[in-house]
Amino acid sequence: MNERMQSGYEFAKGEIQNGRADFLQPSIDESRQFGHYNDFDRGIEKALRERHVTGEWIEWFGGEMPVTGSARVDIKFSSGSSTMCPIPADTVRWGHVAGAPSNVVSYRVNPVAQ
């Protein structure tokens, strides 16, 4: 891992451990959109992917699907409800609609269903 990627990775790990990781994925999406995606961003994504492996809950604020479509995920919705069993990620609406009760507010990759 090069130095710039390592610094992105270490930065993201610190933000995740301190519970301040909510801006990381939207920041990556913005970097891609405006063509600024770089090794620092790759380091952040590596740290975020590690969270998928552990099955921990990840806050979600809308955007593109954060996992592959075939990944089985558990979902918590803004209505307070959640899925009863793991569902394929490509069956979920990941973008947010203002005030919609079906907005995803957190998800986890289900380690048992993979």
C-alpha atoms as a PDB file:
ATOM      1  CA  MET A   1       0.000   0.000   0.000  1.00  0.00           C
ATOM      2  CA  ASN A   2       1.500   3.328  -1.006  1.00  0.00           C
ATOM      3  CA  GLU A   3       1.924   6.172   1.489  1.00  0.00           C
ATOM      4  CA  ARG A   4      -1.075   8.202   0.280  1.00  0.00           C
ATOM      5  CA  MET A   5      -3.373   5.184   0.364  1.00  0.00           C
ATOM      6  CA  GLN A   6      -2.048   4.271   3.830  1.00  0.00           C
ATOM      7  CA  SER A   7      -2.786   7.775   5.120  1.00  0.00           C
ATOM      8  CA  GLY A   8      -6.380   7.580   3.784  1.00  0.00           C
ATOM      9  CA  TYR A   9      -6.775   4.187   5.406  1.00  0.00           C
ATOM     10  CA  GLU A  10      -5.442   5.376   8.783  1.00  0.00           C
ATOM     11  CA  PHE A  11      -7.599   8.506   8.640  1.00  0.00           C
ATOM     12  CA  ALA A  12     -10.737   6.457   7.947  1.00  0.00           C
ATOM     13  CA  LYS A  13      -9.941   3.899  10.676  1.00  0.00           C
ATOM     14  CA  GLY A  14      -9.681   6.751  13.191  1.00  0.00           C
ATOM     15  CA  GLU A  15     -12.979   8.288  12.080  1.00  0.00           C
ATOM     16  CA  ILE A  16     -14.704   4.894  12.227  1.00  0.00           C
ATOM     17  CA  GLN A  17     -13.378   4.174  15.722  1.00  0.00           C
ATOM     18  CA  ASN A  18     -14.527   7.585  16.940  1.00  0.00           C
ATOM     19  CA  GLY A  19     -18.012   7.173  15.459  1.00  0.00           C
ATOM     20  CA  ARG A  20     -17.534   9.943  12.900  1.00  0.00           C
ATOM     21  CA  ALA A  21     -17.549   7.893   9.693  1.00  0.00           C
ATOM     22  CA  ASP A  22     -20.875   9.133   8.338  1.00  0.00           C
ATOM     23  CA  PHE A  23     -19.290  11.533   5.844  1.00  0.00           C
ATOM     24  CA  LEU A  24     -16.773   9.078   4.377  1.00  0.00           C
ATOM     25  CA  GLN A  25     -18.883   7.314   1.723  1.00  0.00           C
ATOM     26  CA  PRO A  26     -20.574  10.513   0.467  1.00  0.00           C
ATOM     27  CA  SER A  27     -17.105  12.057   0.237  1.00  0.00           C
ATOM     28  CA  ILE A  28     -15.903   9.119  -1.901  1.00  0.00           C
ATOM     29  CA  ASP A  29     -18.990   9.405  -4.135  1.00  0.00           C
ATOM     30  CA  GLU A  30     -18.303  13.122  -4.613  1.00  0.00           C
ATOM     31  CA  SER A  31     -14.643  12.459  -5.478  1.00  0.00           C
ATOM     32  CA  ARG A  32     -15.765  10.048  -8.188  1.00  0.00           C
ATOM     33  CA  GLN A  33     -18.397  12.421  -9.508  1.00  0.00           C
ATOM     34  CA  PHE A  34     -15.935  15.267  -9.949  1.00  0.00           C
ATOM     35  CA  GLY A  35     -12.994  13.128 -11.086  1.00  0.00           C
ATOM     36  CA  HIS A  36     -10.845  13.635  -7.966  1.00  0.00           C
ATOM     37  CA  TYR A  37     -10.772   9.976  -6.862  1.00  0.00           C
ATOM     38  CA  ASN A  38      -7.213   9.098  -5.782  1.00  0.00           C
ATOM     39  CA  ASP A  39      -5.086   6.822  -3.610  1.00  0.00           C
ATOM     40  CA  PHE A  40      -6.231   8.602  -0.429  1.00  0.00           C
ATOM     41  CA  ASP A  41      -9.840   7.744  -1.377  1.00  0.00           C
ATOM     42  CA  ARG A  42      -8.804   4.135  -2.086  1.00  0.00           C
ATOM     43  CA  GLY A  43      -7.447   3.934   1.462  1.00  0.00           C
ATOM     44  CA  ILE A  44     -10.740   5.186   2.868  1.00  0.00           C
ATOM     45  CA  GLU A  45     -12.653   2.620   0.814  1.00  0.00           C
ATOM     46  CA  LYS A  46     -10.383  -0.160   2.075  1.00  0.00           C
ATOM     47  CA  ALA A  47     -11.228   0.784   5.671  1.00  0.00           C
ATOM     48  CA  LEU A  48     -14.948   0.915   4.864  1.00  0.00           C
ATOM     49  CA  ARG A  49     -14.824  -2.513   3.172  1.00  0.00           C
ATOM     50  CA  GLU A  50     -13.294  -3.986   6.326  1.00  0.00           C
ATOM     51  CA  ARG A  51     -16.457  -2.988   8.177  1.00  0.00           C
ATOM     52  CA  HIS A  52     -18.434  -5.132   5.743  1.00  0.00           C
ATOM     53  CA  VAL A  53     -16.366  -8.175   6.658  1.00  0.00           C
ATOM     54  CA  THR A  54     -17.052  -7.810  10.395  1.00  0.00           C
ATOM     55  CA  GLY A  55     -20.809  -7.457   9.931  1.00  0.00           C
ATOM     56  CA  GLU A  56     -21.030  -4.267  11.985  1.00  0.00           C
ATOM     57  CA  TRP A  57     -23.881  -1.807  11.448  1.00  0.00           C
ATOM     58  CA  ILE A  58     -22.980   1.108   9.185  1.00  0.00           C
ATOM     59  CA  GLU A  59     -24.922   4.384   9.154  1.00  0.00           C
ATOM     60  CA  TRP A  60     -26.261   5.268   5.710  1.00  0.00           C
ATOM     61  CA  PHE A  61     -27.173   8.714   4.405  1.00  0.00           C
ATOM     62  CA  GLY A  62     -28.201   7.799   0.866  1.00  0.00           C
ATOM     63  CA  GLY A  63     -26.232   7.357  -2.318  1.00  0.00           C
ATOM     64  CA  GLU A  64     -25.203   4.554  -4.619  1.00  0.00           C
ATOM     65  CA  MET A  65     -25.394   0.961  -3.426  1.00  0.00           C
ATOM     66  CA  PRO A  66     -22.341   0.489  -1.153  1.00  0.00           C
ATOM     67  CA  VAL A  67     -21.969  -3.262  -1.730  1.00  0.00           C
ATOM     68  CA  THR A  68     -22.329  -5.671  -4.636  1.00  0.00           C
ATOM     69  CA  GLY A  69     -25.898  -6.428  -5.679  1.00  0.00           C
ATOM     70  CA  SER A  70     -25.668 -10.057  -4.633  1.00  0.00           C
ATOM     71  CA  ALA A  71     -24.520  -9.236  -1.082  1.00  0.00           C
ATOM     72  CA  ARG A  72     -27.072 -10.210   1.564  1.00  0.00           C
ATOM     73  CA  VAL A  73     -27.768  -7.288   3.883  1.00  0.00           C
ATOM     74  CA  ASP A  74     -29.756  -6.481   7.005  1.00  0.00           C
ATOM     75  CA  ILE A  75     -31.435  -3.068   6.814  1.00  0.00           C
ATOM     76  CA  LYS A  76     -32.818  -0.538   9.315  1.00  0.00           C
ATOM     77  CA  PHE A  77     -35.273   1.984   7.868  1.00  0.00           C
ATOM     78  CA  SER A  78     -36.102   5.560   8.884  1.00  0.00           C
ATOM     79  CA  SER A  79     -39.552   4.337   9.978  1.00  0.00           C
ATOM     80  CA  GLY A  80     -37.858   2.337  12.753  1.00  0.00           C
ATOM     81  CA  SER A  81     -38.571  -1.010  11.109  1.00  0.00           C
ATOM     82  CA  SER A  82     -35.923  -3.408   9.884  1.00  0.00           C
ATOM     83  CA  THR A  83     -35.660  -6.446   7.664  1.00  0.00           C
ATOM     84  CA  MET A  84     -36.486  -9.760   9.316  1.00  0.00           C
ATOM     85  CA  CYS A  85     -33.853 -11.685   7.385  1.00  0.00           C
ATOM     86  CA  PRO A  86     -30.965 -10.841   5.032  1.00  0.00           C
ATOM     87  CA  ILE A  87     -32.066  -9.588   1.611  1.00  0.00           C
ATOM     88  CA  PRO A  88     -30.131  -9.066  -1.650  1.00  0.00           C
ATOM     89  CA  ALA A  89     -28.676  -5.547  -1.747  1.00  0.00           C
ATOM     90  CA  ASP A  90     -29.938  -4.961  -5.279  1.00  0.00           C
ATOM     91  CA  THR A  91     -33.556  -5.150  -4.021  1.00  0.00           C
ATOM     92  CA  VAL A  92     -33.060  -2.085  -1.787  1.00  0.00           C
ATOM     93  CA  ARG A  93     -33.572   1.584  -2.742  1.00  0.00           C
ATOM     94  CA  TRP A  94     -30.316   3.074  -1.428  1.00  0.00           C
ATOM     95  CA  GLY A  95     -30.987   6.678  -2.379  1.00  0.00           C
ATOM     96  CA  HIS A  96     -32.957   8.841   0.032  1.00  0.00           C
ATOM     97  CA  VAL A  97     -36.267  10.589  -0.619  1.00  0.00           C
ATOM     98  CA  ALA A  98     -37.073  13.442   1.783  1.00  0.00           C
ATOM     99  CA  GLY A  99     -39.432  12.224   4.510  1.00  0.00           C
ATOM    100  CA  ALA A 100     -39.826   8.692   3.118  1.00  0.00           C
ATOM    101  CA  PRO A 101     -40.214   6.012   5.821  1.00  0.00           C
ATOM    102  CA  SER A 102     -38.363   3.532   3.607  1.00  0.00           C
ATOM    103  CA  ASN A 103     -35.044   5.407   3.613  1.00  0.00           C
ATOM    104  CA  VAL A 104     -32.185   3.137   4.674  1.00  0.00           C
ATOM    105  CA  VAL A 105     -30.585   4.594   7.820  1.00  0.00           C
ATOM    106  CA  SER A 106     -28.144   1.752   8.501  1.00  0.00           C
ATOM    107  CA  TYR A 107     -27.154  -1.579   7.054  1.00  0.00           C
ATOM    108  CA  ARG A 108     -24.768  -4.424   7.632  1.00  0.00           C
ATOM    109  CA  VAL A 109     -23.513  -7.158   5.401  1.00  0.00           C
ATOM    110  CA  ASN A 110     -24.875 -10.312   6.973  1.00  0.00           C
ATOM    111  CA  PRO A 111     -21.844 -12.500   7.711  1.00  0.00           C
ATOM    112  CA  VAL A 112     -23.901 -15.688   7.981  1.00  0.00           C
ATOM    113  CA  ALA A 113     -25.716 -15.261   4.678  1.00  0.00           C
ATOM    114  CA  GLN A 114     -22.594 -14.664   2.575  1.00  0.00           C
END
